[in-house]
C-alpha cells in the first residue's frame, strides 16, 4: 500500500492544481478510487480503510512533516 501511495504521490506533481489561498505544501496527494462498481460493499470498505490506515501511518506522516513546510 505504501508503494502505491508513493507512486501516486510522485505522479501528483504532473497534474496542475490551483493553490487554495496560496498556501505552500510539500505534498499534493491524489487518491485513485475504483468507481466502476466492480467491487461489493465489503471490498469498498476495505479500500476505504486502506486509505485511512495509510494516511494515519507514521511513515507517511513523518514524510509529510519532514518536508520544507511540514505540510
N, C-alpha and C. Protein backbone atom coordinates (compact mmCIF):
# COMPACT_ATOMS: atom_id res chain seq x y z
N UNK A 1 0.82 -1.19 0.00
CA UNK A 1 0.00 0.00 0.00
C UNK A 1 0.86 1.25 0.00
N UNK A 2 1.94 1.26 0.78
CA UNK A 2 2.81 2.44 0.80
C UNK A 2 3.47 2.66 -0.54
N UNK A 3 3.78 1.57 -1.25
CA UNK A 3 4.35 1.70 -2.59
C UNK A 3 3.37 2.38 -3.52
N UNK A 4 2.11 1.98 -3.45
CA UNK A 4 1.08 2.60 -4.28
C UNK A 4 0.96 4.08 -3.96
N UNK A 5 0.97 4.42 -2.68
CA UNK A 5 0.90 5.83 -2.30
C UNK A 5 2.11 6.60 -2.81
N UNK A 6 3.28 5.99 -2.72
CA UNK A 6 4.49 6.66 -3.20
C UNK A 6 4.40 6.94 -4.69
N UNK A 7 3.91 5.98 -5.46
CA UNK A 7 3.75 6.17 -6.90
C UNK A 7 2.75 7.28 -7.18
N UNK A 8 1.62 7.25 -6.50
CA UNK A 8 0.61 8.29 -6.70
C UNK A 8 1.14 9.66 -6.31
N UNK A 9 1.91 9.71 -5.24
CA UNK A 9 2.47 10.98 -4.82
C UNK A 9 3.46 11.50 -5.84
N UNK A 10 4.27 10.62 -6.42
CA UNK A 10 5.25 11.07 -7.40
C UNK A 10 4.57 11.55 -8.67
N UNK A 11 3.45 10.95 -9.03
CA UNK A 11 2.71 11.37 -10.22
C UNK A 11 1.90 12.63 -9.98
N UNK A 12 1.60 12.93 -8.74
CA UNK A 12 0.73 14.06 -8.44
C UNK A 12 1.35 15.38 -8.89
N UNK A 13 2.66 15.44 -8.99
CA UNK A 13 3.31 16.66 -9.45
C UNK A 13 3.08 16.93 -10.92
N UNK A 14 2.60 15.94 -11.65
CA UNK A 14 2.35 16.11 -13.08
C UNK A 14 1.00 16.75 -13.36
N UNK A 15 0.16 16.84 -12.36
CA UNK A 15 -1.20 17.37 -12.53
C UNK A 15 -1.23 18.81 -12.05
N UNK A 16 -1.55 19.76 -12.95
CA UNK A 16 -1.62 21.15 -12.49
C UNK A 16 -2.79 21.35 -11.54
N UNK A 17 -2.50 21.97 -10.41
CA UNK A 17 -3.52 22.18 -9.39
C UNK A 17 -3.46 23.63 -8.94
N UNK A 18 -4.60 24.27 -8.87
CA UNK A 18 -4.66 25.64 -8.37
C UNK A 18 -4.50 25.61 -6.86
N UNK A 19 -3.64 26.47 -6.35
CA UNK A 19 -3.44 26.52 -4.91
C UNK A 19 -4.57 27.32 -4.27
N UNK A 20 -5.14 26.76 -3.24
CA UNK A 20 -6.20 27.45 -2.50
C UNK A 20 -5.55 28.37 -1.48
N UNK A 21 -5.77 29.64 -1.62
CA UNK A 21 -5.25 30.59 -0.65
C UNK A 21 -3.75 30.79 -0.74
N UNK A 22 -3.09 30.24 -1.74
CA UNK A 22 -1.66 30.45 -1.91
C UNK A 22 -0.80 29.72 -0.89
N UNK A 23 -1.33 28.77 -0.16
CA UNK A 23 -0.55 28.04 0.83
C UNK A 23 0.42 27.10 0.14
N UNK A 24 1.67 27.13 0.59
CA UNK A 24 2.65 26.20 0.05
C UNK A 24 2.54 24.87 0.79
N UNK A 25 2.68 23.80 0.06
CA UNK A 25 2.65 22.46 0.65
C UNK A 25 3.80 21.64 0.08
N UNK A 26 4.21 20.64 0.83
CA UNK A 26 5.24 19.72 0.37
C UNK A 26 4.64 18.53 -0.37
N UNK A 27 3.40 18.21 -0.08
CA UNK A 27 2.77 17.02 -0.64
C UNK A 27 1.44 17.39 -1.29
N UNK A 28 1.29 16.99 -2.54
CA UNK A 28 0.00 17.05 -3.21
C UNK A 28 -0.39 15.60 -3.45
N UNK A 29 -1.47 15.18 -2.84
CA UNK A 29 -1.84 13.77 -2.86
C UNK A 29 -3.05 13.54 -3.74
N UNK A 30 -2.94 12.54 -4.60
CA UNK A 30 -4.06 12.14 -5.46
C UNK A 30 -4.40 10.70 -5.10
N UNK A 31 -5.67 10.46 -4.78
CA UNK A 31 -6.11 9.10 -4.46
C UNK A 31 -6.90 8.55 -5.64
N UNK A 32 -6.53 7.36 -6.08
CA UNK A 32 -7.27 6.69 -7.16
C UNK A 32 -8.32 5.80 -6.52
N UNK A 33 -9.56 5.98 -6.92
CA UNK A 33 -10.67 5.23 -6.34
C UNK A 33 -11.39 4.47 -7.44
N UNK A 34 -11.69 3.20 -7.18
CA UNK A 34 -12.43 2.38 -8.14
C UNK A 34 -13.90 2.79 -8.10
N UNK A 35 -14.38 3.35 -9.19
CA UNK A 35 -15.80 3.75 -9.27
C UNK A 35 -16.55 2.95 -10.32
N UNK A 36 -15.97 1.84 -10.74
CA UNK A 36 -16.57 1.05 -11.81
C UNK A 36 -17.70 0.15 -11.34
N UNK A 37 -17.97 0.15 -10.07
CA UNK A 37 -18.98 -0.72 -9.46
C UNK A 37 -18.62 -2.20 -9.58
N UNK A 38 -17.33 -2.46 -9.77
CA UNK A 38 -16.88 -3.84 -9.85
C UNK A 38 -16.62 -4.43 -8.47
N UNK A 39 -16.70 -3.58 -7.44
CA UNK A 39 -16.45 -4.04 -6.07
C UNK A 39 -17.76 -4.06 -5.29
N UNK A 40 -17.85 -5.02 -4.36
CA UNK A 40 -19.03 -5.04 -3.49
C UNK A 40 -18.77 -4.13 -2.28
N UNK A 41 -19.76 -3.98 -1.40
CA UNK A 41 -19.65 -3.07 -0.27
C UNK A 41 -18.50 -3.44 0.66
N UNK A 42 -18.26 -4.73 0.83
CA UNK A 42 -17.16 -5.16 1.69
C UNK A 42 -15.82 -4.72 1.11
N UNK A 43 -15.64 -4.90 -0.19
CA UNK A 43 -14.39 -4.50 -0.84
C UNK A 43 -14.21 -2.98 -0.80
N UNK A 44 -15.29 -2.26 -0.98
CA UNK A 44 -15.22 -0.79 -0.91
C UNK A 44 -14.79 -0.37 0.50
N UNK A 45 -15.33 -1.04 1.50
CA UNK A 45 -14.94 -0.74 2.88
C UNK A 45 -13.47 -1.04 3.12
N UNK A 46 -12.98 -2.13 2.56
CA UNK A 46 -11.57 -2.49 2.70
C UNK A 46 -10.70 -1.42 2.04
N UNK A 47 -11.10 -0.98 0.85
CA UNK A 47 -10.35 0.06 0.15
C UNK A 47 -10.32 1.34 0.98
N UNK A 48 -11.46 1.74 1.48
CA UNK A 48 -11.57 2.97 2.27
C UNK A 48 -10.71 2.88 3.53
N UNK A 49 -10.78 1.74 4.22
CA UNK A 49 -9.97 1.54 5.42
C UNK A 49 -8.48 1.58 5.08
N UNK A 50 -8.12 1.05 3.91
CA UNK A 50 -6.72 1.10 3.48
C UNK A 50 -6.23 2.52 3.33
N UNK A 51 -7.05 3.38 2.74
CA UNK A 51 -6.69 4.80 2.61
C UNK A 51 -6.50 5.42 3.99
N UNK A 52 -7.45 5.17 4.88
CA UNK A 52 -7.39 5.75 6.22
C UNK A 52 -6.13 5.29 6.95
N UNK A 53 -5.88 3.99 6.92
CA UNK A 53 -4.70 3.45 7.61
C UNK A 53 -3.40 4.00 7.01
N UNK A 54 -3.35 4.11 5.69
CA UNK A 54 -2.14 4.63 5.04
C UNK A 54 -1.90 6.09 5.43
N UNK A 55 -2.96 6.89 5.46
CA UNK A 55 -2.82 8.31 5.79
C UNK A 55 -2.49 8.53 7.26
N UNK A 56 -2.82 7.57 8.11
CA UNK A 56 -2.50 7.66 9.53
C UNK A 56 -1.15 7.02 9.86
N UNK A 57 -0.55 6.35 8.89
CA UNK A 57 0.69 5.60 9.12
C UNK A 57 1.83 6.56 9.49
N UNK A 58 2.61 6.19 10.50
CA UNK A 58 3.69 7.04 10.99
C UNK A 58 4.68 7.42 9.89
N UNK A 59 5.03 6.48 9.02
CA UNK A 59 5.99 6.79 7.95
C UNK A 59 5.44 7.85 7.00
N UNK A 60 4.17 7.77 6.68
CA UNK A 60 3.56 8.77 5.80
C UNK A 60 3.54 10.13 6.48
N UNK A 61 3.10 10.18 7.72
CA UNK A 61 3.04 11.44 8.46
C UNK A 61 4.43 12.03 8.61
N UNK A 62 5.42 11.21 8.94
CA UNK A 62 6.79 11.70 9.07
C UNK A 62 7.32 12.25 7.75
N UNK A 63 6.97 11.59 6.64
CA UNK A 63 7.42 12.07 5.32
C UNK A 63 6.81 13.43 5.01
N UNK A 64 5.55 13.61 5.33
CA UNK A 64 4.89 14.90 5.07
C UNK A 64 5.48 15.97 5.98
N UNK A 65 5.63 15.67 7.25
CA UNK A 65 6.16 16.65 8.20
C UNK A 65 7.64 16.94 7.95
N UNK A 66 8.33 16.02 7.30
CA UNK A 66 9.76 16.18 7.06
C UNK A 66 10.10 17.09 5.89
N UNK A 67 9.10 17.57 5.18
CA UNK A 67 9.34 18.47 4.06
C UNK A 67 9.67 19.88 4.53
N UNK A 68 9.92 20.77 3.59
CA UNK A 68 10.30 22.14 3.92
C UNK A 68 9.23 22.90 4.69
N UNK A 69 7.96 22.72 4.32
CA UNK A 69 6.89 23.44 5.01
C UNK A 69 6.21 22.60 6.07
N UNK A 70 6.46 21.30 6.07
CA UNK A 70 5.84 20.43 7.06
C UNK A 70 4.37 20.15 6.80
N UNK A 71 3.94 20.43 5.55
CA UNK A 71 2.54 20.19 5.18
C UNK A 71 2.49 19.44 3.86
